[in-house]
Amino acid sequence: MLVNNNTQAVSTVQQIKRPDMDPANAAASALYSGALQAAQQSVTVPAAQKELDKAADRIDEAFAKTRVQLQTASTASEVPATSSTSGARAEFTDYMSKSPAERIREQLLKEQGLTEADVQNMSQEKQDAISKQVAERLKQQQEQQVAAKTAEPQARTLKETLAAI
């Protein structure tokens, strides 16, 4: 067992204690502060609970309004669409039903200001040149997609490494 006979250390410990606090005053002070905290919590907890209940009611009300809006929107969508909306939808579905090669061909012809009828009236060599350009663009697009897929795991690994740091 170690015993410190250093009187300076003992006086330092005694100086840390408050000289005006005898054990009875310290106990009374601790009880008073504990009772004060308990009283404050009993007053603030119901008020806080009321605020939480109000917030929950506002959230429930917002969800109910959103549900009503979605229901009215879904019934409105069952109503026949106007001609401009149905035309845009038909155009979109037509575009999405095309193959990537057909989309590229359409884009290429649009860039050159040509139509399918113009292409049909061209010589076979020019038609072949357009087909070759479409094939090249399709190949480039596929290479870009492959490069993006192979680069994606590396990017994730890099992001995960940076996040770990």
Foldseek 3Di string as FASTA:
>chain_A
DDDDPDVVVVVVVVVVDDPVDDPVNVVVVVVVVVVVVVVVCVVVVVVVVVVVVVVVVVVVVVVVVVVVVVVVVVVVVVPDDDPVVVVVVVVVVVQVVDDLLVNLLVVVCVVVVHDPVRLVPDDPVVVVVSSVVSVVVVVVVVVVVVVCVVVVVVVVVVVVVVVVD
